[in-house]
Amino acid sequence: IQLLGGKPIVPAEWGKAFGPGTGAASRPDPAPSKQHLMEAFEKGNNLLGEMVKSAPAEKLAGPHGFKPVEKAIPTMADFMAHLMTTHAMSHL
């Protein structure tokens, strides 16, 4: 969402707790409920889908800047497709 110019929809602490490279030691206590996490996931997916629909073609054709996947997923469009389809699978 932020890569397309949107504002975060979850607390900043969630990035530190659940972002790339984090683990169980970084989890907040108490952790957000499963319902809260699922609601945020659904809201984020819906918002991302709307943002992709209205994103300029030039933005989607350009790089996304997330180094760990830039070779396999080179463009913003590719990265958004990954986030909306296969990314969640990597956490199951």
Protein backbone atom coordinates (compact mmCIF):
# COMPACT_ATOMS: atom_id res chain seq x y z
CA ILE A 1 0.00 0.00 0.00
CA GLN A 2 2.79 2.39 0.91
CA LEU A 3 4.67 1.50 -2.28
CA LEU A 4 1.73 2.87 -4.23
CA GLY A 5 1.54 6.04 -2.14
CA GLY A 6 -1.01 4.92 0.43
CA LYS A 7 -0.88 5.30 4.18
CA PRO A 8 -0.35 2.31 6.48
CA ILE A 9 -3.54 0.69 7.74
CA VAL A 10 -1.93 -1.11 10.68
CA PRO A 11 0.02 0.20 13.67
CA ALA A 12 3.71 0.95 13.00
CA GLU A 13 4.63 -1.59 15.67
CA TRP A 14 3.33 -4.37 13.45
CA GLY A 15 6.17 -3.80 11.00
CA LYS A 16 8.69 -4.33 13.76
CA ALA A 17 6.81 -7.37 15.06
CA PHE A 18 5.78 -9.09 11.83
CA GLY A 19 7.99 -7.60 9.07
CA PRO A 20 10.74 -9.30 7.08
CA GLY A 21 13.37 -10.94 9.24
CA THR A 22 11.30 -11.03 12.42
CA GLY A 23 10.51 -14.04 14.55
CA ALA A 24 8.71 -15.13 17.67
CA ALA A 25 11.00 -13.05 19.90
CA SER A 26 9.74 -9.84 18.28
CA ARG A 27 6.04 -10.60 18.75
CA PRO A 28 4.07 -8.20 20.94
CA ASP A 29 2.62 -9.40 24.21
CA PRO A 30 -0.29 -9.61 24.06
CA ALA A 31 -0.37 -10.37 20.36
CA PRO A 32 -3.22 -9.10 18.18
CA SER A 33 -6.12 -11.54 18.02
CA LYS A 34 -6.53 -13.80 15.01
CA GLN A 35 -9.72 -11.90 14.17
CA HIS A 36 -7.88 -8.56 14.27
CA LEU A 37 -5.10 -9.91 12.05
CA MET A 38 -7.56 -11.39 9.55
CA GLU A 39 -9.58 -8.16 9.41
CA ALA A 40 -6.40 -6.17 8.72
CA PHE A 41 -5.35 -8.69 6.06
CA GLU A 42 -8.71 -8.47 4.29
CA LYS A 43 -8.81 -4.68 4.50
CA GLY A 44 -5.26 -4.45 3.15
CA ASN A 45 -5.95 -6.84 0.27
CA ASN A 46 -9.08 -4.94 -0.73
CA LEU A 47 -7.33 -1.58 -0.54
CA LEU A 48 -4.32 -2.84 -2.47
CA GLY A 49 -6.57 -4.15 -5.24
CA GLU A 50 -8.25 -0.76 -5.57
CA MET A 51 -4.91 1.06 -5.55
CA VAL A 52 -3.46 -1.19 -8.25
CA LYS A 53 -6.49 -0.52 -10.48
CA SER A 54 -5.88 3.23 -10.29
CA ALA A 55 -2.07 3.23 -10.28
CA PRO A 56 -0.36 4.92 -13.23
CA ALA A 57 1.03 2.47 -15.80
CA GLU A 58 4.48 4.07 -15.42
CA LYS A 59 4.47 3.32 -11.69
CA LEU A 60 3.49 -0.31 -12.25
CA ALA A 61 6.14 -0.75 -14.95
CA GLY A 62 8.90 0.55 -12.68
CA PRO A 63 10.88 -1.12 -9.91
CA HIS A 64 9.40 -1.71 -6.45
CA GLY A 65 12.61 -1.37 -4.44
CA PHE A 66 12.25 -4.46 -2.21
CA LYS A 67 15.76 -5.88 -2.65
CA PRO A 68 15.17 -9.48 -1.48
CA VAL A 69 12.89 -10.23 -4.45
CA GLU A 70 13.84 -7.70 -7.11
CA LYS A 71 15.51 -10.26 -9.41
CA ALA A 72 12.64 -12.74 -9.33
CA ILE A 73 9.90 -10.10 -9.21
CA PRO A 74 11.27 -7.10 -11.12
CA THR A 75 8.40 -4.65 -11.59
CA MET A 76 5.89 -3.00 -9.29
CA ALA A 77 3.09 -4.76 -11.21
CA ASP A 78 4.75 -8.13 -10.66
CA PHE A 79 5.25 -7.36 -6.98
CA MET A 80 1.65 -6.25 -6.49
CA ALA A 81 0.42 -9.44 -8.22
CA HIS A 82 2.62 -11.47 -5.90
CA LEU A 83 1.34 -9.66 -2.81
CA MET A 84 -2.27 -10.18 -3.82
CA THR A 85 -1.95 -13.85 -4.82
CA THR A 86 1.04 -15.89 -3.59
CA HIS A 87 2.60 -13.88 -0.76
CA ALA A 88 0.26 -15.09 2.00
CA MET A 89 1.10 -18.71 1.11
CA SER A 90 4.69 -18.13 2.17
CA HIS A 91 3.50 -17.54 5.75
CA LEU A 92 1.46 -20.72 6.12
